[in-house]
C-alpha atoms as a PDB file:
ATOM      1  CA  UNK A   1     141.924 155.175 102.018  1.00  0.00           C
ATOM      2  CA  UNK A   2     141.551 151.566 100.032  1.00  0.00           C
ATOM      3  CA  UNK A   3     142.963 148.362 100.903  1.00  0.00           C
ATOM      4  CA  UNK A   4     144.579 147.060 104.618  1.00  0.00           C
ATOM      5  CA  UNK A   5     145.251 149.463 107.244  1.00  0.00           C
ATOM      6  CA  UNK A   6     147.111 149.941 109.953  1.00  0.00           C
ATOM      7  CA  UNK A   7     145.640 149.238 112.895  1.00  0.00           C
ATOM      8  CA  UNK A   8     146.054 151.454 116.071  1.00  0.00           C
ATOM      9  CA  UNK A   9     145.509 151.221 119.729  1.00  0.00           C
ATOM     10  CA  UNK A  10     144.916 154.259 121.649  1.00  0.00           C
ATOM     11  CA  UNK A  11     145.027 154.534 125.241  1.00  0.00           C
ATOM     12  CA  UNK A  12     143.638 157.053 127.268  1.00  0.00           C
ATOM     13  CA  UNK A  13     141.295 156.977 130.668  1.00  0.00           C
ATOM     14  CA  UNK A  14     139.046 160.342 129.943  1.00  0.00           C
ATOM     15  CA  UNK A  15     136.470 158.701 127.294  1.00  0.00           C
ATOM     16  CA  UNK A  16     135.942 162.193 126.108  1.00  0.00           C
ATOM     17  CA  UNK A  17     139.942 162.209 124.738  1.00  0.00           C
ATOM     18  CA  UNK A  18     139.864 158.835 123.250  1.00  0.00           C
ATOM     19  CA  UNK A  19     136.248 159.040 121.345  1.00  0.00           C
ATOM     20  CA  UNK A  20     137.729 162.290 120.177  1.00  0.00           C
ATOM     21  CA  UNK A  21     141.378 160.938 119.062  1.00  0.00           C
ATOM     22  CA  UNK A  22     139.594 157.754 117.546  1.00  0.00           C
ATOM     23  CA  UNK A  23     137.674 160.077 115.146  1.00  0.00           C
ATOM     24  CA  UNK A  24     140.598 162.360 114.383  1.00  0.00           C
ATOM     25  CA  UNK A  25     141.999 158.939 112.826  1.00  0.00           C
ATOM     26  CA  UNK A  26     139.392 156.830 112.338  1.00  0.00           C
ATOM     27  CA  UNK A  27     139.937 158.359 108.568  1.00  0.00           C
ATOM     28  CA  UNK A  28     142.842 157.252 108.033  1.00  0.00           C
ATOM     29  CA  UNK A  29     143.328 153.943 110.704  1.00  0.00           C
ATOM     30  CA  UNK A  30     141.415 151.268 112.040  1.00  0.00           C
ATOM     31  CA  UNK A  31     141.605 152.305 115.830  1.00  0.00           C
ATOM     32  CA  UNK A  32     140.609 150.523 118.643  1.00  0.00           C
ATOM     33  CA  UNK A  33     139.963 152.554 121.640  1.00  0.00           C
ATOM     34  CA  UNK A  34     141.211 151.144 125.519  1.00  0.00           C
ATOM     35  CA  UNK A  35     139.891 153.306 128.436  1.00  0.00           C
ATOM     36  CA  UNK A  36     143.458 151.632 130.767  1.00  0.00           C
ATOM     37  CA  UNK A  37     146.177 149.269 130.670  1.00  0.00           C
ATOM     38  CA  UNK A  38     144.123 146.549 131.286  1.00  0.00           C
ATOM     39  CA  UNK A  39     141.329 147.073 128.154  1.00  0.00           C
ATOM     40  CA  UNK A  40     144.873 147.224 125.836  1.00  0.00           C
ATOM     41  CA  UNK A  41     146.114 144.476 126.912  1.00  0.00           C
ATOM     42  CA  UNK A  42     142.944 142.386 126.395  1.00  0.00           C
ATOM     43  CA  UNK A  43     142.983 143.744 123.203  1.00  0.00           C
ATOM     44  CA  UNK A  44     146.508 142.762 122.517  1.00  0.00           C
ATOM     45  CA  UNK A  45     145.413 139.337 122.919  1.00  0.00           C
ATOM     46  CA  UNK A  46     143.181 139.204 120.203  1.00  0.00           C
ATOM     47  CA  UNK A  47     144.597 141.798 117.565  1.00  0.00           C
ATOM     48  CA  UNK A  48     148.660 143.134 116.550  1.00  0.00           C
ATOM     49  CA  UNK A  49     148.302 147.153 116.436  1.00  0.00           C
ATOM     50  CA  UNK A  50     151.366 148.700 113.796  1.00  0.00           C
ATOM     51  CA  UNK A  51     151.165 151.349 116.963  1.00  0.00           C
ATOM     52  CA  UNK A  52     150.024 152.172 120.547  1.00  0.00           C
ATOM     53  CA  UNK A  53     149.185 155.998 121.287  1.00  0.00           C
ATOM     54  CA  UNK A  54     149.267 156.062 124.906  1.00  0.00           C
ATOM     55  CA  UNK A  55     148.147 158.916 127.582  1.00  0.00           C
ATOM     56  CA  UNK A  56     150.918 159.573 130.204  1.00  0.00           C
ATOM     57  CA  UNK A  57     148.449 160.688 132.862  1.00  0.00           C
ATOM     58  CA  UNK A  58     146.369 157.336 133.719  1.00  0.00           C
ATOM     59  CA  UNK A  59     145.113 156.283 137.290  1.00  0.00           C
ATOM     60  CA  UNK A  60     145.903 153.135 138.706  1.00  0.00           C
ATOM     61  CA  UNK A  61     148.578 151.933 135.948  1.00  0.00           C
ATOM     62  CA  UNK A  62     150.050 155.432 133.941  1.00  0.00           C
ATOM     63  CA  UNK A  63     151.317 155.391 130.366  1.00  0.00           C
ATOM     64  CA  UNK A  64     154.949 154.919 131.419  1.00  0.00           C
ATOM     65  CA  UNK A  65     153.977 151.248 133.587  1.00  0.00           C
ATOM     66  CA  UNK A  66     152.542 150.761 130.322  1.00  0.00           C
ATOM     67  CA  UNK A  67     155.364 151.414 128.285  1.00  0.00           C
ATOM     68  CA  UNK A  68     157.636 149.164 130.834  1.00  0.00           C
ATOM     69  CA  UNK A  69     155.043 146.141 130.404  1.00  0.00           C
ATOM     70  CA  UNK A  70     154.765 146.391 127.173  1.00  0.00           C
ATOM     71  CA  UNK A  71     158.316 146.643 127.276  1.00  0.00           C
ATOM     72  CA  UNK A  72     158.780 143.631 128.971  1.00  0.00           C
ATOM     73  CA  UNK A  73     157.029 141.458 126.997  1.00  0.00           C
ATOM     74  CA  UNK A  74     158.456 140.030 124.260  1.00  0.00           C
ATOM     75  CA  UNK A  75     155.109 139.337 122.421  1.00  0.00           C
ATOM     76  CA  UNK A  76     155.218 143.201 122.481  1.00  0.00           C
ATOM     77  CA  UNK A  77     158.013 144.929 122.739  1.00  0.00           C
ATOM     78  CA  UNK A  78     158.262 145.339 119.191  1.00  0.00           C
ATOM     79  CA  UNK A  79     155.377 147.477 118.496  1.00  0.00           C
ATOM     80  CA  UNK A  80     156.395 151.169 118.559  1.00  0.00           C
ATOM     81  CA  UNK A  81     154.756 153.533 121.368  1.00  0.00           C
ATOM     82  CA  UNK A  82     153.978 157.136 120.651  1.00  0.00           C
ATOM     83  CA  UNK A  83     153.376 159.061 124.124  1.00  0.00           C
ATOM     84  CA  UNK A  84     150.616 162.057 124.359  1.00  0.00           C
ATOM     85  CA  UNK A  85     150.794 164.367 127.678  1.00  0.00           C
ATOM     86  CA  UNK A  86     150.055 167.641 128.481  1.00  0.00           C
ATOM     87  CA  UNK A  87     153.110 168.018 130.867  1.00  0.00           C
ATOM     88  CA  UNK A  88     155.579 168.589 128.189  1.00  0.00           C
ATOM     89  CA  UNK A  89     158.315 168.591 130.609  1.00  0.00           C
ATOM     90  CA  UNK A  90     162.265 168.582 129.682  1.00  0.00           C
ATOM     91  CA  UNK A  91     162.100 165.538 132.738  1.00  0.00           C
ATOM     92  CA  UNK A  92     158.751 163.877 131.043  1.00  0.00           C
ATOM     93  CA  UNK A  93     161.017 164.000 127.531  1.00  0.00           C
ATOM     94  CA  UNK A  94     164.007 162.512 129.048  1.00  0.00           C
ATOM     95  CA  UNK A  95     161.814 159.175 130.886  1.00  0.00           C
ATOM     96  CA  UNK A  96     160.128 159.181 127.710  1.00  0.00           C
ATOM     97  CA  UNK A  97     163.507 158.445 125.851  1.00  0.00           C
ATOM     98  CA  UNK A  98     165.411 156.310 128.268  1.00  0.00           C
ATOM     99  CA  UNK A  99     162.082 153.577 128.400  1.00  0.00           C
ATOM    100  CA  UNK A 100     162.063 153.026 124.511  1.00  0.00           C
ATOM    101  CA  UNK A 101     159.230 155.808 123.116  1.00  0.00           C
ATOM    102  CA  UNK A 102     159.439 157.067 119.735  1.00  0.00           C
ATOM    103  CA  UNK A 103     157.790 160.065 120.218  1.00  0.00           C
ATOM    104  CA  UNK A 104     156.278 162.527 122.912  1.00  0.00           C
ATOM    105  CA  UNK A 105     153.597 164.749 121.191  1.00  0.00           C
ATOM    106  CA  UNK A 106     152.528 167.663 123.875  1.00  0.00           C
ATOM    107  CA  UNK A 107     148.549 168.868 124.291  1.00  0.00           C
ATOM    108  CA  UNK A 108     147.071 170.047 122.867  1.00  0.00           C
ATOM    109  CA  UNK A 109     148.304 168.749 119.094  1.00  0.00           C
ATOM    110  CA  UNK A 110     146.932 169.240 115.652  1.00  0.00           C
ATOM    111  CA  UNK A 111     145.455 166.408 113.269  1.00  0.00           C
ATOM    112  CA  UNK A 112     148.348 166.826 111.398  1.00  0.00           C
ATOM    113  CA  UNK A 113     151.171 166.800 114.342  1.00  0.00           C
ATOM    114  CA  UNK A 114     149.591 163.197 115.318  1.00  0.00           C
ATOM    115  CA  UNK A 115     149.554 161.659 111.700  1.00  0.00           C
ATOM    116  CA  UNK A 116     152.537 163.026 110.625  1.00  0.00           C
ATOM    117  CA  UNK A 117     153.950 161.452 113.832  1.00  0.00           C
ATOM    118  CA  UNK A 118     151.691 157.900 113.082  1.00  0.00           C
ATOM    119  CA  UNK A 119     153.103 157.841 109.421  1.00  0.00           C
ATOM    120  CA  UNK A 120     157.251 158.292 110.301  1.00  0.00           C
ATOM    121  CA  UNK A 121     157.033 155.286 112.548  1.00  0.00           C
ATOM    122  CA  UNK A 122     154.523 152.831 110.338  1.00  0.00           C
ATOM    123  CA  UNK A 123     156.062 154.227 107.023  1.00  0.00           C
ATOM    124  CA  UNK A 124     159.576 153.331 106.288  1.00  0.00           C
ATOM    125  CA  UNK A 125     159.339 156.019 102.787  1.00  0.00           C
ATOM    126  CA  UNK A 126     158.783 158.695 105.451  1.00  0.00           C
ATOM    127  CA  UNK A 127     161.469 157.376 108.292  1.00  0.00           C
ATOM    128  CA  UNK A 128     163.971 156.968 105.760  1.00  0.00           C
ATOM    129  CA  UNK A 129     163.320 160.727 104.617  1.00  0.00           C
ATOM    130  CA  UNK A 130     163.069 161.564 108.548  1.00  0.00           C
ATOM    131  CA  UNK A 131     167.303 160.686 109.395  1.00  0.00           C
ATOM    132  CA  UNK A 132     169.022 161.683 112.587  1.00  0.00           C
ATOM    133  CA  UNK A 133     171.718 164.078 111.814  1.00  0.00           C
ATOM    134  CA  UNK A 134     174.836 162.571 112.951  1.00  0.00           C
ATOM    135  CA  UNK A 135     178.169 165.321 113.102  1.00  0.00           C
ATOM    136  CA  UNK A 136     181.613 163.642 113.193  1.00  0.00           C
ATOM    137  CA  UNK A 137     184.419 165.760 114.418  1.00  0.00           C
ATOM    138  CA  UNK A 138     188.014 164.166 113.133  1.00  0.00           C
ATOM    139  CA  UNK A 139     191.686 165.918 112.033  1.00  0.00           C
ATOM    140  CA  UNK A 140     192.206 162.906 109.991  1.00  0.00           C
ATOM    141  CA  UNK A 141     189.733 163.273 106.018  1.00  0.00           C
ATOM    142  CA  UNK A 142     190.077 159.732 105.260  1.00  0.00           C
ATOM    143  CA  UNK A 143     188.222 158.575 108.777  1.00  0.00           C
ATOM    144  CA  UNK A 144     185.767 161.076 107.886  1.00  0.00           C
ATOM    145  CA  UNK A 145     185.348 159.747 104.502  1.00  0.00           C
ATOM    146  CA  UNK A 146     184.975 156.139 105.482  1.00  0.00           C
ATOM    147  CA  UNK A 147     182.577 157.460 108.355  1.00  0.00           C
ATOM    148  CA  UNK A 148     180.010 158.989 105.535  1.00  0.00           C
ATOM    149  CA  UNK A 149     180.509 155.937 103.631  1.00  0.00           C
ATOM    150  CA  UNK A 150     179.363 154.040 106.164  1.00  0.00           C
ATOM    151  CA  UNK A 151     176.042 155.732 107.330  1.00  0.00           C
ATOM    152  CA  UNK A 152     175.108 157.587 104.827  1.00  0.00           C
ATOM    153  CA  UNK A 153     172.524 155.730 103.675  1.00  0.00           C
ATOM    154  CA  UNK A 154     170.411 156.208 106.290  1.00  0.00           C
ATOM    155  CA  UNK A 155     171.980 158.864 108.782  1.00  0.00           C
ATOM    156  CA  UNK A 156     172.391 162.420 107.947  1.00  0.00           C
ATOM    157  CA  UNK A 157     176.004 162.691 107.873  1.00  0.00           C
ATOM    158  CA  UNK A 158     178.154 166.186 109.087  1.00  0.00           C
ATOM    159  CA  UNK A 159     182.010 166.529 108.730  1.00  0.00           C
ATOM    160  CA  UNK A 160     184.420 168.710 110.344  1.00  0.00           C
ATOM    161  CA  UNK A 161     187.959 168.286 110.196  1.00  0.00           C
ATOM    162  CA  UNK A 162     188.390 171.481 112.048  1.00  0.00           C
ATOM    163  CA  UNK A 163     187.180 171.032 115.471  1.00  0.00           C
ATOM    164  CA  UNK A 164     187.420 174.873 116.136  1.00  0.00           C
ATOM    165  CA  UNK A 165     184.682 176.017 113.944  1.00  0.00           C
ATOM    166  CA  UNK A 166     182.441 173.792 116.333  1.00  0.00           C
ATOM    167  CA  UNK A 167     179.774 176.621 117.252  1.00  0.00           C
ATOM    168  CA  UNK A 168     180.038 178.296 113.869  1.00  0.00           C
ATOM    169  CA  UNK A 169     178.613 174.963 112.211  1.00  0.00           C
ATOM    170  CA  UNK A 170     176.137 173.959 115.161  1.00  0.00           C
ATOM    171  CA  UNK A 171     174.699 177.835 114.990  1.00  0.00           C
ATOM    172  CA  UNK A 172     173.509 175.923 111.375  1.00  0.00           C
ATOM    173  CA  UNK A 173     172.656 172.016 112.283  1.00  0.00           C
ATOM    174  CA  UNK A 174     171.029 170.558 115.290  1.00  0.00           C
ATOM    175  CA  UNK A 175     173.279 166.916 115.839  1.00  0.00           C
ATOM    176  CA  UNK A 176     171.145 164.012 116.922  1.00  0.00           C
ATOM    177  CA  UNK A 177     174.733 162.829 118.085  1.00  0.00           C
ATOM    178  CA  UNK A 178     178.191 163.166 118.068  1.00  0.00           C
ATOM    179  CA  UNK A 179     181.263 160.888 116.747  1.00  0.00           C
ATOM    180  CA  UNK A 180     184.586 162.993 118.603  1.00  0.00           C
ATOM    181  CA  UNK A 181     187.854 161.659 117.876  1.00  0.00           C
ATOM    182  CA  UNK A 182     190.101 161.525 120.979  1.00  0.00           C
ATOM    183  CA  UNK A 183     193.252 163.162 119.828  1.00  0.00           C
ATOM    184  CA  UNK A 184     193.275 166.438 117.413  1.00  0.00           C
ATOM    185  CA  UNK A 185     195.362 169.681 117.180  1.00  0.00           C
ATOM    186  CA  UNK A 186     193.808 172.839 118.713  1.00  0.00           C
ATOM    187  CA  UNK A 187     190.926 171.055 120.133  1.00  0.00           C
ATOM    188  CA  UNK A 188     190.712 167.432 121.133  1.00  0.00           C
ATOM    189  CA  UNK A 189     187.493 165.189 121.776  1.00  0.00           C
ATOM    190  CA  UNK A 190     188.448 166.160 125.817  1.00  0.00           C
ATOM    191  CA  UNK A 191     187.667 170.256 124.620  1.00  0.00           C
ATOM    192  CA  UNK A 192     184.608 169.479 122.529  1.00  0.00           C
ATOM    193  CA  UNK A 193     182.716 166.958 125.288  1.00  0.00           C
ATOM    194  CA  UNK A 194     182.299 170.431 127.354  1.00  0.00           C
ATOM    195  CA  UNK A 195     181.433 173.102 124.633  1.00  0.00           C
ATOM    196  CA  UNK A 196     178.688 170.712 123.353  1.00  0.00           C
ATOM    197  CA  UNK A 197     177.512 169.990 126.778  1.00  0.00           C
ATOM    198  CA  UNK A 198     177.693 173.872 127.765  1.00  0.00           C
ATOM    199  CA  UNK A 199     174.869 174.519 125.159  1.00  0.00           C
ATOM    200  CA  UNK A 200     171.194 173.812 126.779  1.00  0.00           C
ATOM    201  CA  UNK A 201     170.563 171.907 123.631  1.00  0.00           C
ATOM    202  CA  UNK A 202     173.081 169.633 123.752  1.00  0.00           C
ATOM    203  CA  UNK A 203     172.841 168.688 127.134  1.00  0.00           C
ATOM    204  CA  UNK A 204     171.423 165.077 126.710  1.00  0.00           C
ATOM    205  CA  UNK A 205     172.723 164.353 123.503  1.00  0.00           C
ATOM    206  CA  UNK A 206     174.645 160.967 122.557  1.00  0.00           C
ATOM    207  CA  UNK A 207     178.956 161.415 122.077  1.00  0.00           C
ATOM    208  CA  UNK A 208     180.258 158.708 121.374  1.00  0.00           C
ATOM    209  CA  UNK A 209     184.033 159.052 121.366  1.00  0.00           C
ATOM    210  CA  UNK A 210     186.146 157.984 118.884  1.00  0.00           C
ATOM    211  CA  UNK A 211     190.066 156.784 119.993  1.00  0.00           C
ATOM    212  CA  UNK A 212     193.103 154.703 119.034  1.00  0.00           C
ATOM    213  CA  UNK A 213     193.957 154.027 123.227  1.00  0.00           C
ATOM    214  CA  UNK A 214     191.234 152.681 124.867  1.00  0.00           C
ATOM    215  CA  UNK A 215     192.914 153.288 128.214  1.00  0.00           C
ATOM    216  CA  UNK A 216     191.135 153.152 131.218  1.00  0.00           C
ATOM    217  CA  UNK A 217     192.192 157.041 132.031  1.00  0.00           C
ATOM    218  CA  UNK A 218     190.836 157.888 128.485  1.00  0.00           C
ATOM    219  CA  UNK A 219     187.751 156.051 129.009  1.00  0.00           C
ATOM    220  CA  UNK A 220     187.220 157.716 132.508  1.00  0.00           C
ATOM    221  CA  UNK A 221     187.532 161.140 131.659  1.00  0.00           C
ATOM    222  CA  UNK A 222     185.292 161.493 129.055  1.00  0.00           C
ATOM    223  CA  UNK A 223     182.561 159.614 130.489  1.00  0.00           C
ATOM    224  CA  UNK A 224     183.267 162.151 133.580  1.00  0.00           C
ATOM    225  CA  UNK A 225     183.134 165.283 130.948  1.00  0.00           C
ATOM    226  CA  UNK A 226     179.767 164.020 129.572  1.00  0.00           C
ATOM    227  CA  UNK A 227     180.895 160.692 127.130  1.00  0.00           C
ATOM    228  CA  UNK A 228     178.228 158.634 126.372  1.00  0.00           C
ATOM    229  CA  UNK A 229     180.306 155.436 125.048  1.00  0.00           C
ATOM    230  CA  UNK A 230     183.942 154.599 123.220  1.00  0.00           C
ATOM    231  CA  UNK A 231     184.485 152.821 119.606  1.00  0.00           C
ATOM    232  CA  UNK A 232     188.459 151.987 119.251  1.00  0.00           C
ATOM    233  CA  UNK A 233     190.219 152.324 116.008  1.00  0.00           C
ATOM    234  CA  UNK A 234     190.209 151.113 113.557  1.00  0.00           C
ATOM    235  CA  UNK A 235     186.411 151.536 113.238  1.00  0.00           C
ATOM    236  CA  UNK A 236     184.632 148.386 113.069  1.00  0.00           C
ATOM    237  CA  UNK A 237     181.965 148.834 110.186  1.00  0.00           C
ATOM    238  CA  UNK A 238     179.107 146.661 112.528  1.00  0.00           C
ATOM    239  CA  UNK A 239     179.937 148.210 115.800  1.00  0.00           C
ATOM    240  CA  UNK A 240     180.199 151.492 114.637  1.00  0.00           C
ATOM    241  CA  UNK A 241     176.256 150.918 113.281  1.00  0.00           C
ATOM    242  CA  UNK A 242     175.250 149.386 116.108  1.00  0.00           C
ATOM    243  CA  UNK A 243     176.472 152.266 118.965  1.00  0.00           C
ATOM    244  CA  UNK A 244     174.679 154.395 116.228  1.00  0.00           C
ATOM    245  CA  UNK A 245     171.681 152.971 116.257  1.00  0.00           C
ATOM    246  CA  UNK A 246     171.535 152.754 119.775  1.00  0.00           C
ATOM    247  CA  UNK A 247     171.660 155.756 120.651  1.00  0.00           C
ATOM    248  CA  UNK A 248     170.000 157.058 117.969  1.00  0.00           C
ATOM    249  CA  UNK A 249     166.493 155.152 118.166  1.00  0.00           C
ATOM    250  CA  UNK A 250     164.144 157.727 120.302  1.00  0.00           C
ATOM    251  CA  UNK A 251     166.057 161.051 117.991  1.00  0.00           C
ATOM    252  CA  UNK A 252     162.324 161.701 117.509  1.00  0.00           C
ATOM    253  CA  UNK A 253     161.725 163.115 120.656  1.00  0.00           C
ATOM    254  CA  UNK A 254     165.340 164.414 121.276  1.00  0.00           C
ATOM    255  CA  UNK A 255     164.724 166.784 118.406  1.00  0.00           C
ATOM    256  CA  UNK A 256     161.342 167.295 120.752  1.00  0.00           C
ATOM    257  CA  UNK A 257     163.408 167.937 123.785  1.00  0.00           C
ATOM    258  CA  UNK A 258     165.655 170.448 121.618  1.00  0.00           C
ATOM    259  CA  UNK A 259     162.625 172.703 120.547  1.00  0.00           C
ATOM    260  CA  UNK A 260     161.550 172.767 124.371  1.00  0.00           C
ATOM    261  CA  UNK A 261     165.281 173.852 125.222  1.00  0.00           C
ATOM    262  CA  UNK A 262     164.444 176.933 122.190  1.00  0.00           C
ATOM    263  CA  UNK A 263     160.917 178.248 123.518  1.00  0.00           C
END
């Protein structure tokens, strides 16, 4: 590679793993190894990396605690973090989602897998071609058209005006977020939530309810069934984008979670 190279810090307490990962990446990036969280923060005082790669299992301060420290510090909270772990479990993936990691790569991994994950974080073009999948379900075609118009540049948007066909569609696509209208004939949004949640692959996929009736009873019922959030009609474009962005930031990890459910 020529020109400016992206700086990456790798954190792993096992020196062999640390040097091995550095060797695998040094042809593409400017790589700085750190054998502990303390060394990571010492490095951060002197360099500004574009990415941090964290091993999850480390003594004293593990990867999760290190990530928390990074996110709590305004100087470093913007830096994307990729986890590496030999414990590819549902609990670990969900914890990574909640804490704000950008990806969670199970060991052993190939060079191509790691570099592809890094490039998605560093390269805006690749990030654009790897769009989160949104499924909007509403019996009103004009609402679906509006949602598609607002979101299609940044997301892969699928729309469904016949909610009774949801199972058929979910055999073809795996959404990273659902937008559900509250009141629809045949199957309402309330009816759809249990159908979605009954699928292991979508036990934790965000569901945002769309409703013209933002009553406490409606919200309480939807939340109890498994909805994640609400948007009140008529839709506000800025608020819609904010909600979608909030719940799809960790969609890459959610896809790894979906792959784990299929395994």
